[in-house]
Amino acid sequence: MPDSTITPTTPAPQPDLAALKGRQQVAWSSGNYAVVGTTLQIVGEQLCEAMDLRAGAKVLDVAAGNGMMSLAAARRWCDVVSTDYVPALLAAGQARAQAEGHAIRFQEADAEALPFADASFDAVVSTFGVMFTPNQDKAAAELVRVCKPGGTIGLANWTPDGFIGQVFKTLGKYLPPPAGARSPALWGTRTRLDEMFGNHAAVTTEPRHFNFRYRSPEHFMEVFQTFYGPVLKAFAALDAEKQAGLRADLVALMARLNRATDGTLVVPSEYLEVVITRHKGGIQ
């Protein structure tokens, strides 16, 4: 006789990844991420040094935004292809490259289905980009696929407990993510990186901090509400009362973390600098 006290388990809900990707693309296409992206330039420069990129290396920048990492690699005379699924951001990156005189190739591409042959690049990079893909395992597999055996994958990913990680947790209180969706901040944990890359490559990580420097907490809110797509879309989806609550929570978060005492904002945000070396024997 079967045990009637055993309750059948209900399968975990599976998110509609295609729909989630569509919403994310709309969010990143709104506002103007380039305004925020340009402030992060030092992260790209530091990642290039951590990867020890050499002149002439073929480099693919995935989910490149307005080309922060693409420019850092081009300044080291690498042969760079810069990709994103938001055409306006590619145009902004191209304008920056032209202003500096760098011959970067810009191409629209989905990080989960890169339009390049296997082992096409010496180095594959992404700074605060590929971590936002809905299908994390597929995106990670694509990074490995297009990287040559012995080549490197360089990432900069916000951590769950850092400032930006906490910003996204705060947004989630007001607009919960779809059931079953993985948090982008998992890319900022060694455990998840080992799950995605450990069978294919050697993973090294280094915690770092980027300092968000703004005129004041109010200035930060103005910039992010106007130009940073996820925050802009979150506020647009809420009624006035919830908008006020979200604003108050974000300002309180900044007040706790602000190390400036002169009225300006200086908030360190932890991220994980990641250098992955693909096994020379290929995918294992």
C-alpha atoms as a PDB file:
ATOM      1  CA  MET A   1       0.000   0.000   0.000  1.00  0.00           C
ATOM      2  CA  PRO A   2       1.344   3.471  -0.851  1.00  0.00           C
ATOM      3  CA  ASP A   3       1.981   5.811   2.030  1.00  0.00           C
ATOM      4  CA  SER A   4      -0.892   8.309   1.890  1.00  0.00           C
ATOM      5  CA  THR A   5       1.015  10.711   4.124  1.00  0.00           C
ATOM      6  CA  ILE A   6       3.511  11.475   1.380  1.00  0.00           C
ATOM      7  CA  THR A   7       2.545  14.591  -0.519  1.00  0.00           C
ATOM      8  CA  PRO A   8       3.598  14.637  -4.193  1.00  0.00           C
ATOM      9  CA  THR A   9       6.209  17.307  -4.869  1.00  0.00           C
ATOM     10  CA  THR A  10       5.249  20.143  -7.169  1.00  0.00           C
ATOM     11  CA  PRO A  11       7.847  20.917  -9.836  1.00  0.00           C
ATOM     12  CA  ALA A  12       9.524  24.297  -9.377  1.00  0.00           C
ATOM     13  CA  PRO A  13       7.995  26.914 -11.667  1.00  0.00           C
ATOM     14  CA  GLN A  14       9.959  27.566 -14.823  1.00  0.00           C
ATOM     15  CA  PRO A  15      10.177  31.212 -15.923  1.00  0.00           C
ATOM     16  CA  ASP A  16       9.367  32.230 -19.489  1.00  0.00           C
ATOM     17  CA  LEU A  17      12.936  33.131 -20.422  1.00  0.00           C
ATOM     18  CA  ALA A  18      11.999  34.515 -23.844  1.00  0.00           C
ATOM     19  CA  ALA A  19       9.447  36.883 -22.328  1.00  0.00           C
ATOM     20  CA  LEU A  20      11.912  37.877 -19.596  1.00  0.00           C
ATOM     21  CA  LYS A  21      14.573  38.631 -22.203  1.00  0.00           C
ATOM     22  CA  GLY A  22      12.105  40.786 -24.123  1.00  0.00           C
ATOM     23  CA  ARG A  23      11.282  42.821 -21.032  1.00  0.00           C
ATOM     24  CA  GLN A  24      14.958  43.216 -20.193  1.00  0.00           C
ATOM     25  CA  GLN A  25      15.763  44.393 -23.700  1.00  0.00           C
ATOM     26  CA  VAL A  26      13.045  47.035 -23.443  1.00  0.00           C
ATOM     27  CA  ALA A  27      14.414  48.135 -20.061  1.00  0.00           C
ATOM     28  CA  TRP A  28      18.027  48.445 -21.259  1.00  0.00           C
ATOM     29  CA  SER A  29      16.823  50.270 -24.382  1.00  0.00           C
ATOM     30  CA  SER A  30      15.066  52.885 -22.265  1.00  0.00           C
ATOM     31  CA  GLY A  31      16.802  55.864 -20.729  1.00  0.00           C
ATOM     32  CA  ASN A  32      20.435  56.130 -21.774  1.00  0.00           C
ATOM     33  CA  TYR A  33      22.734  53.632 -20.086  1.00  0.00           C
ATOM     34  CA  ALA A  34      25.740  55.331 -21.704  1.00  0.00           C
ATOM     35  CA  VAL A  35      25.440  58.145 -19.151  1.00  0.00           C
ATOM     36  CA  VAL A  36      26.059  55.635 -16.352  1.00  0.00           C
ATOM     37  CA  GLY A  37      28.343  53.348 -18.361  1.00  0.00           C
ATOM     38  CA  THR A  38      30.967  56.006 -18.974  1.00  0.00           C
ATOM     39  CA  THR A  39      31.456  56.446 -15.222  1.00  0.00           C
ATOM     40  CA  LEU A  40      32.527  52.785 -14.923  1.00  0.00           C
ATOM     41  CA  GLN A  41      35.505  53.073 -17.282  1.00  0.00           C
ATOM     42  CA  ILE A  42      38.122  52.287 -14.631  1.00  0.00           C
ATOM     43  CA  VAL A  43      36.626  48.792 -14.239  1.00  0.00           C
ATOM     44  CA  GLY A  44      37.411  47.982 -17.872  1.00  0.00           C
ATOM     45  CA  GLU A  45      40.946  49.296 -17.578  1.00  0.00           C
ATOM     46  CA  GLN A  46      41.597  47.198 -14.460  1.00  0.00           C
ATOM     47  CA  LEU A  47      40.102  44.069 -16.035  1.00  0.00           C
ATOM     48  CA  CYS A  48      42.359  44.428 -19.088  1.00  0.00           C
ATOM     49  CA  GLU A  49      45.358  44.490 -16.772  1.00  0.00           C
ATOM     50  CA  ALA A  50      44.108  41.527 -14.739  1.00  0.00           C
ATOM     51  CA  MET A  51      43.736  39.560 -17.991  1.00  0.00           C
ATOM     52  CA  ASP A  52      47.150  40.763 -19.211  1.00  0.00           C
ATOM     53  CA  LEU A  53      45.701  41.495 -22.660  1.00  0.00           C
ATOM     54  CA  ARG A  54      48.353  41.720 -25.362  1.00  0.00           C
ATOM     55  CA  ALA A  55      48.440  43.886 -28.496  1.00  0.00           C
ATOM     56  CA  GLY A  56      46.973  42.079 -31.486  1.00  0.00           C
ATOM     57  CA  ALA A  57      44.742  39.767 -29.441  1.00  0.00           C
ATOM     58  CA  LYS A  58      41.287  39.099 -30.919  1.00  0.00           C
ATOM     59  CA  VAL A  59      38.815  40.254 -28.260  1.00  0.00           C
ATOM     60  CA  LEU A  60      35.020  39.872 -28.138  1.00  0.00           C
ATOM     61  CA  ASP A  61      33.081  42.176 -25.806  1.00  0.00           C
ATOM     62  CA  VAL A  62      29.683  40.615 -24.973  1.00  0.00           C
ATOM     63  CA  ALA A  63      26.748  42.758 -23.778  1.00  0.00           C
ATOM     64  CA  ALA A  64      29.163  45.639 -24.199  1.00  0.00           C
ATOM     65  CA  GLY A  65      26.788  48.511 -23.509  1.00  0.00           C
ATOM     66  CA  ASN A  66      28.390  51.707 -24.766  1.00  0.00           C
ATOM     67  CA  GLY A  67      31.781  50.055 -25.189  1.00  0.00           C
ATOM     68  CA  MET A  68      33.553  50.685 -21.901  1.00  0.00           C
ATOM     69  CA  MET A  69      35.534  47.429 -21.995  1.00  0.00           C
ATOM     70  CA  SER A  70      35.803  47.537 -25.796  1.00  0.00           C
ATOM     71  CA  LEU A  71      37.611  50.873 -25.584  1.00  0.00           C
ATOM     72  CA  ALA A  72      39.897  49.664 -22.799  1.00  0.00           C
ATOM     73  CA  ALA A  73      40.973  46.698 -24.965  1.00  0.00           C
ATOM     74  CA  ALA A  74      41.355  48.861 -28.079  1.00  0.00           C
ATOM     75  CA  ARG A  75      43.646  51.211 -26.140  1.00  0.00           C
ATOM     76  CA  ARG A  76      45.920  48.198 -25.750  1.00  0.00           C
ATOM     77  CA  TRP A  77      45.908  47.673 -29.549  1.00  0.00           C
ATOM     78  CA  CYS A  78      43.692  44.610 -29.437  1.00  0.00           C
ATOM     79  CA  ASP A  79      41.462  43.650 -32.391  1.00  0.00           C
ATOM     80  CA  VAL A  80      38.051  44.224 -30.820  1.00  0.00           C
ATOM     81  CA  VAL A  81      34.497  43.198 -31.736  1.00  0.00           C
ATOM     82  CA  SER A  82      31.911  44.957 -29.545  1.00  0.00           C
ATOM     83  CA  THR A  83      28.422  43.411 -29.297  1.00  0.00           C
ATOM     84  CA  ASP A  84      25.114  44.187 -27.623  1.00  0.00           C
ATOM     85  CA  TYR A  85      21.419  43.622 -28.320  1.00  0.00           C
ATOM     86  CA  VAL A  86      20.592  47.334 -27.943  1.00  0.00           C
ATOM     87  CA  PRO A  87      21.471  49.157 -31.201  1.00  0.00           C
ATOM     88  CA  ALA A  88      21.476  52.607 -29.561  1.00  0.00           C
ATOM     89  CA  LEU A  89      24.203  51.525 -27.137  1.00  0.00           C
ATOM     90  CA  LEU A  90      26.321  50.178 -29.987  1.00  0.00           C
ATOM     91  CA  ALA A  91      25.939  53.531 -31.746  1.00  0.00           C
ATOM     92  CA  ALA A  92      27.094  55.318 -28.587  1.00  0.00           C
ATOM     93  CA  GLY A  93      30.115  53.025 -28.342  1.00  0.00           C
ATOM     94  CA  GLN A  94      30.946  53.573 -31.997  1.00  0.00           C
ATOM     95  CA  ALA A  95      30.876  57.341 -31.491  1.00  0.00           C
ATOM     96  CA  ARG A  96      33.294  57.019 -28.583  1.00  0.00           C
ATOM     97  CA  ALA A  97      35.611  54.813 -30.620  1.00  0.00           C
ATOM     98  CA  GLN A  98      35.586  57.233 -33.551  1.00  0.00           C
ATOM     99  CA  ALA A  99      36.342  60.148 -31.235  1.00  0.00           C
ATOM    100  CA  GLU A 100      39.429  58.305 -29.966  1.00  0.00           C
ATOM    101  CA  GLY A 101      40.438  56.984 -33.383  1.00  0.00           C
ATOM    102  CA  HIS A 102      39.991  53.280 -32.613  1.00  0.00           C
ATOM    103  CA  ALA A 103      38.848  50.845 -35.324  1.00  0.00           C
ATOM    104  CA  ILE A 104      36.464  48.710 -33.262  1.00  0.00           C
ATOM    105  CA  ARG A 105      33.915  46.530 -35.055  1.00  0.00           C
ATOM    106  CA  PHE A 106      30.395  46.951 -33.631  1.00  0.00           C
ATOM    107  CA  GLN A 107      27.790  44.235 -34.179  1.00  0.00           C
ATOM    108  CA  GLU A 108      24.318  43.546 -32.795  1.00  0.00           C
ATOM    109  CA  ALA A 109      24.262  40.153 -31.052  1.00  0.00           C
ATOM    110  CA  ASP A 110      22.416  38.150 -28.400  1.00  0.00           C
ATOM    111  CA  ALA A 111      24.728  36.969 -25.605  1.00  0.00           C
ATOM    112  CA  GLU A 112      22.845  33.661 -25.486  1.00  0.00           C
ATOM    113  CA  ALA A 113      23.360  32.965 -29.217  1.00  0.00           C
ATOM    114  CA  LEU A 114      26.586  34.613 -30.340  1.00  0.00           C
ATOM    115  CA  PRO A 115      26.922  34.744 -34.162  1.00  0.00           C
ATOM    116  CA  PHE A 116      30.557  33.606 -34.199  1.00  0.00           C
ATOM    117  CA  ALA A 117      32.291  30.325 -34.912  1.00  0.00           C
ATOM    118  CA  ASP A 118      33.762  28.137 -32.182  1.00  0.00           C
ATOM    119  CA  ALA A 119      37.151  29.252 -30.837  1.00  0.00           C
ATOM    120  CA  SER A 120      37.088  32.563 -32.736  1.00  0.00           C
ATOM    121  CA  PHE A 121      38.630  34.811 -30.067  1.00  0.00           C
ATOM    122  CA  ASP A 122      41.734  34.922 -27.889  1.00  0.00           C
ATOM    123  CA  ALA A 123      39.751  36.697 -25.169  1.00  0.00           C
ATOM    124  CA  VAL A 124      36.042  37.142 -24.407  1.00  0.00           C
ATOM    125  CA  VAL A 125      34.969  39.853 -21.962  1.00  0.00           C
ATOM    126  CA  SER A 126      31.871  41.299 -20.342  1.00  0.00           C
ATOM    127  CA  THR A 127      31.578  44.004 -17.692  1.00  0.00           C
ATOM    128  CA  PHE A 128      28.228  44.169 -15.859  1.00  0.00           C
ATOM    129  CA  GLY A 129      26.590  42.839 -19.029  1.00  0.00           C
ATOM    130  CA  VAL A 130      26.310  39.090 -19.547  1.00  0.00           C
ATOM    131  CA  MET A 131      25.349  38.699 -15.871  1.00  0.00           C
ATOM    132  CA  PHE A 132      21.881  40.012 -16.767  1.00  0.00           C
ATOM    133  CA  THR A 133      21.070  37.288 -19.305  1.00  0.00           C
ATOM    134  CA  PRO A 134      17.934  35.272 -18.391  1.00  0.00           C
ATOM    135  CA  ASN A 135      19.469  31.905 -19.378  1.00  0.00           C
ATOM    136  CA  GLN A 136      22.710  32.008 -17.419  1.00  0.00           C
ATOM    137  CA  ASP A 137      23.975  28.546 -18.352  1.00  0.00           C
ATOM    138  CA  LYS A 138      23.420  29.148 -22.050  1.00  0.00           C
ATOM    139  CA  ALA A 139      25.216  32.495 -21.931  1.00  0.00           C
ATOM    140  CA  ALA A 140      28.166  30.994 -20.039  1.00  0.00           C
ATOM    141  CA  ALA A 141      28.383  28.153 -22.561  1.00  0.00           C
ATOM    142  CA  GLU A 142      28.497  30.695 -25.389  1.00  0.00           C
ATOM    143  CA  LEU A 143      31.385  32.561 -23.768  1.00  0.00           C
ATOM    144  CA  VAL A 144      33.328  29.308 -23.537  1.00  0.00           C
ATOM    145  CA  ARG A 145      32.393  28.198 -27.066  1.00  0.00           C
ATOM    146  CA  VAL A 146      33.734  31.265 -28.868  1.00  0.00           C
ATOM    147  CA  CYS A 147      36.914  31.446 -26.748  1.00  0.00           C
ATOM    148  CA  LYS A 148      39.970  29.604 -28.055  1.00  0.00           C
ATOM    149  CA  PRO A 149      41.376  26.757 -25.941  1.00  0.00           C
ATOM    150  CA  GLY A 150      43.978  28.383 -23.721  1.00  0.00           C
ATOM    151  CA  GLY A 151      42.250  31.745 -24.131  1.00  0.00           C
ATOM    152  CA  THR A 152      40.751  33.877 -21.379  1.00  0.00           C
ATOM    153  CA  ILE A 153      37.303  35.054 -20.372  1.00  0.00           C
ATOM    154  CA  GLY A 154      37.236  38.245 -18.308  1.00  0.00           C
ATOM    155  CA  LEU A 155      34.175  39.367 -16.331  1.00  0.00           C
ATOM    156  CA  ALA A 156      33.191  42.082 -13.903  1.00  0.00           C
ATOM    157  CA  ASN A 157      30.020  41.136 -11.998  1.00  0.00           C
ATOM    158  CA  TRP A 158      28.206  42.908  -9.157  1.00  0.00           C
ATOM    159  CA  THR A 159      28.043  40.790  -5.984  1.00  0.00           C
ATOM    160  CA  PRO A 160      24.798  40.030  -4.109  1.00  0.00           C
ATOM    161  CA  ASP A 161      25.790  41.970  -0.987  1.00  0.00           C
ATOM    162  CA  GLY A 162      27.461  44.953  -2.669  1.00  0.00           C
ATOM    163  CA  PHE A 163      25.700  48.269  -3.206  1.00  0.00           C
ATOM    164  CA  ILE A 164      24.291  47.482  -6.664  1.00  0.00           C
ATOM    165  CA  GLY A 165      23.339  43.996  -5.513  1.00  0.00           C
ATOM    166  CA  GLN A 166      21.363  45.617  -2.701  1.00  0.00           C
ATOM    167  CA  VAL A 167      19.810  48.105  -5.129  1.00  0.00           C
ATOM    168  CA  PHE A 168      18.427  45.194  -7.137  1.00  0.00           C
ATOM    169  CA  LYS A 169      17.202  43.461  -3.972  1.00  0.00           C
ATOM    170  CA  THR A 170      15.377  46.674  -3.080  1.00  0.00           C
ATOM    171  CA  LEU A 171      13.797  46.851  -6.538  1.00  0.00           C
ATOM    172  CA  GLY A 172      12.729  43.223  -6.073  1.00  0.00           C
ATOM    173  CA  LYS A 173      10.769  44.124  -2.936  1.00  0.00           C
ATOM    174  CA  TYR A 174       8.495  46.299  -5.053  1.00  0.00           C
ATOM    175  CA  LEU A 175       8.612  44.343  -8.324  1.00  0.00           C
ATOM    176  CA  PRO A 176       9.368  40.681  -7.562  1.00  0.00           C
ATOM    177  CA  PRO A 177      11.163  38.831 -10.373  1.00  0.00           C
ATOM    178  CA  PRO A 178       9.362  35.971 -12.153  1.00  0.00           C
ATOM    179  CA  ALA A 179       9.171  32.757 -10.128  1.00  0.00           C
ATOM    180  CA  GLY A 180      12.161  30.561 -10.845  1.00  0.00           C
ATOM    181  CA  ALA A 181      14.287  33.308 -12.409  1.00  0.00           C
ATOM    182  CA  ARG A 182      17.919  33.324 -11.302  1.00  0.00           C
ATOM    183  CA  SER A 183      19.333  36.476  -9.766  1.00  0.00           C
ATOM    184  CA  PRO A 184      21.920  38.258 -11.962  1.00  0.00           C
ATOM    185  CA  ALA A 185      24.011  38.753  -8.815  1.00  0.00           C
ATOM    186  CA  LEU A 186      24.744  35.007  -8.751  1.00  0.00           C
ATOM    187  CA  TRP A 187      27.405  35.800 -11.376  1.00  0.00           C
ATOM    188  CA  GLY A 188      29.124  37.671  -8.549  1.00  0.00           C
ATOM    189  CA  THR A 189      29.573  34.492  -6.489  1.00  0.00           C
ATOM    190  CA  ARG A 190      32.393  31.969  -6.809  1.00  0.00           C
ATOM    191  CA  THR A 191      29.991  29.069  -6.323  1.00  0.00           C
ATOM    192  CA  ARG A 192      27.879  29.943  -9.348  1.00  0.00           C
ATOM    193  CA  LEU A 193      30.929  30.706 -11.497  1.00  0.00           C
ATOM    194  CA  ASP A 194      32.378  27.303 -10.691  1.00  0.00           C
ATOM    195  CA  GLU A 195      29.054  25.696 -11.639  1.00  0.00           C
ATOM    196  CA  MET A 196      28.994  27.436 -15.014  1.00  0.00           C
ATOM    197  CA  PHE A 197      32.686  27.355 -15.945  1.00  0.00           C
ATOM    198  CA  GLY A 198      34.489  24.877 -13.709  1.00  0.00           C
ATOM    199  CA  ASN A 199      34.253  21.949 -16.131  1.00  0.00           C
ATOM    200  CA  HIS A 200      35.678  23.984 -19.000  1.00  0.00           C
ATOM    201  CA  ALA A 201      38.247  26.300 -17.467  1.00  0.00           C
ATOM    202  CA  ALA A 202      40.290  27.457 -14.492  1.00  0.00           C
ATOM    203  CA  VAL A 203      38.477  30.216 -12.606  1.00  0.00           C
ATOM    204  CA  THR A 204      40.169  32.946 -10.571  1.00  0.00           C
ATOM    205  CA  THR A 205      38.310  35.739  -8.774  1.00  0.00           C
ATOM    206  CA  GLU A 206      39.248  38.933  -6.977  1.00  0.00           C
ATOM    207  CA  PRO A 207      36.775  41.070  -4.988  1.00  0.00           C
ATOM    208  CA  ARG A 208      37.044  44.720  -5.951  1.00  0.00           C
ATOM    209  CA  HIS A 209      35.132  47.929  -5.267  1.00  0.00           C
ATOM    210  CA  PHE A 210      33.929  50.617  -7.618  1.00  0.00           C
ATOM    211  CA  ASN A 211      33.134  53.964  -5.989  1.00  0.00           C
ATOM    212  CA  PHE A 212      29.924  55.596  -7.171  1.00  0.00           C
ATOM    213  CA  ARG A 213      30.674  59.313  -6.938  1.00  0.00           C
ATOM    214  CA  TYR A 214      27.749  61.712  -7.340  1.00  0.00           C
ATOM    215  CA  ARG A 215      26.964  65.255  -6.214  1.00  0.00           C
ATOM    216  CA  SER A 216      24.492  63.913  -3.632  1.00  0.00           C
ATOM    217  CA  PRO A 217      22.114  60.991  -3.044  1.00  0.00           C
ATOM    218  CA  GLU A 218      19.450  63.031  -4.807  1.00  0.00           C
ATOM    219  CA  HIS A 219      21.748  63.464  -7.809  1.00  0.00           C
ATOM    220  CA  PHE A 220      22.283  59.690  -7.936  1.00  0.00           C
ATOM    221  CA  MET A 221      18.521  59.128  -7.888  1.00  0.00           C
ATOM    222  CA  GLU A 222      17.995  61.706 -10.637  1.00  0.00           C
ATOM    223  CA  VAL A 223      20.591  60.079 -12.902  1.00  0.00           C
ATOM    224  CA  PHE A 224      19.459  56.502 -12.311  1.00  0.00           C
ATOM    225  CA  GLN A 225      15.736  57.285 -12.597  1.00  0.00           C
ATOM    226  CA  THR A 226      16.355  59.121 -15.862  1.00  0.00           C
ATOM    227  CA  PHE A 227      19.036  57.053 -17.585  1.00  0.00           C
ATOM    228  CA  TYR A 228      19.422  53.583 -15.971  1.00  0.00           C
ATOM    229  CA  GLY A 229      16.801  51.403 -17.637  1.00  0.00           C
ATOM    230  CA  PRO A 230      15.975  48.938 -14.814  1.00  0.00           C
ATOM    231  CA  VAL A 231      15.455  51.729 -12.277  1.00  0.00           C
ATOM    232  CA  LEU A 232      13.576  53.921 -14.758  1.00  0.00           C
ATOM    233  CA  LYS A 233      11.215  51.052 -15.650  1.00  0.00           C
ATOM    234  CA  ALA A 234      10.713  50.091 -12.000  1.00  0.00           C
ATOM    235  CA  PHE A 235       9.543  53.565 -11.059  1.00  0.00           C
ATOM    236  CA  ALA A 236       7.328  53.754 -14.142  1.00  0.00           C
ATOM    237  CA  ALA A 237       5.576  50.516 -13.132  1.00  0.00           C
ATOM    238  CA  LEU A 238       4.691  51.692  -9.606  1.00  0.00           C
ATOM    239  CA  ASP A 239       1.978  53.974  -8.305  1.00  0.00           C
ATOM    240  CA  ALA A 240       2.899  57.188  -6.500  1.00  0.00           C
ATOM    241  CA  GLU A 241       2.832  55.642  -3.015  1.00  0.00           C
ATOM    242  CA  LYS A 242       5.125  52.762  -3.952  1.00  0.00           C
ATOM    243  CA  GLN A 243       7.404  55.118  -5.880  1.00  0.00           C
ATOM    244  CA  ALA A 244       7.834  57.140  -2.698  1.00  0.00           C
ATOM    245  CA  GLY A 245       8.575  53.978  -0.720  1.00  0.00           C
ATOM    246  CA  LEU A 246      11.152  52.756  -3.230  1.00  0.00           C
ATOM    247  CA  ARG A 247      12.845  56.149  -3.318  1.00  0.00           C
ATOM    248  CA  ALA A 248      12.982  56.283   0.489  1.00  0.00           C
ATOM    249  CA  ASP A 249      14.463  52.779   0.678  1.00  0.00           C
ATOM    250  CA  LEU A 250      17.143  53.565  -1.906  1.00  0.00           C
ATOM    251  CA  VAL A 251      18.068  56.846  -0.218  1.00  0.00           C
ATOM    252  CA  ALA A 252      18.291  55.039   3.139  1.00  0.00           C
ATOM    253  CA  LEU A 253      20.577  52.425   1.558  1.00  0.00           C
ATOM    254  CA  MET A 254      22.857  55.169   0.272  1.00  0.00           C
ATOM    255  CA  ALA A 255      22.851  56.884   3.649  1.00  0.00           C
ATOM    256  CA  ARG A 256      24.082  53.677   5.294  1.00  0.00           C
ATOM    257  CA  LEU A 257      26.887  53.132   2.796  1.00  0.00           C
ATOM    258  CA  ASN A 258      27.945  56.703   1.967  1.00  0.00           C
ATOM    259  CA  ARG A 259      31.478  57.366   3.184  1.00  0.00           C
ATOM    260  CA  ALA A 260      31.427  61.047   2.216  1.00  0.00           C
ATOM    261  CA  THR A 261      30.766  63.616   4.936  1.00  0.00           C
ATOM    262  CA  ASP A 262      30.651  66.755   2.781  1.00  0.00           C
ATOM    263  CA  GLY A 263      27.171  66.334   1.301  1.00  0.00           C
ATOM    264  CA  THR A 264      28.357  64.450  -1.776  1.00  0.00           C
ATOM    265  CA  LEU A 265      27.922  60.736  -2.424  1.00  0.00           C
ATOM    266  CA  VAL A 266      30.798  58.242  -2.384  1.00  0.00           C
ATOM    267  CA  VAL A 267      29.450  54.704  -2.140  1.00  0.00           C
ATOM    268  CA  PRO A 268      31.757  51.694  -2.660  1.00  0.00           C
ATOM    269  CA  SER A 269      30.055  48.902  -4.599  1.00  0.00           C
ATOM    270  CA  GLU A 270      31.634  45.464  -4.473  1.00  0.00           C
ATOM    271  CA  TYR A 271      32.065  43.515  -7.678  1.00  0.00           C
ATOM    272  CA  LEU A 272      33.905  40.338  -8.576  1.00  0.00           C
ATOM    273  CA  GLU A 273      36.744  40.622 -11.077  1.00  0.00           C
ATOM    274  CA  VAL A 274      36.888  37.256 -12.828  1.00  0.00           C
ATOM    275  CA  VAL A 275      39.581  35.785 -15.088  1.00  0.00           C
ATOM    276  CA  ILE A 276      38.789  32.379 -16.564  1.00  0.00           C
ATOM    277  CA  THR A 277      41.338  30.410 -18.593  1.00  0.00           C
ATOM    278  CA  ARG A 278      39.769  27.879 -20.921  1.00  0.00           C
ATOM    279  CA  HIS A 279      41.299  24.418 -20.815  1.00  0.00           C
ATOM    280  CA  LYS A 280      43.579  23.804 -23.781  1.00  0.00           C
ATOM    281  CA  GLY A 281      41.963  20.443 -24.349  1.00  0.00           C
ATOM    282  CA  GLY A 282      38.655  22.134 -25.218  1.00  0.00           C
ATOM    283  CA  ILE A 283      35.323  21.554 -23.503  1.00  0.00           C
ATOM    284  CA  GLN A 284      35.610  18.719 -20.984  1.00  0.00           C
END
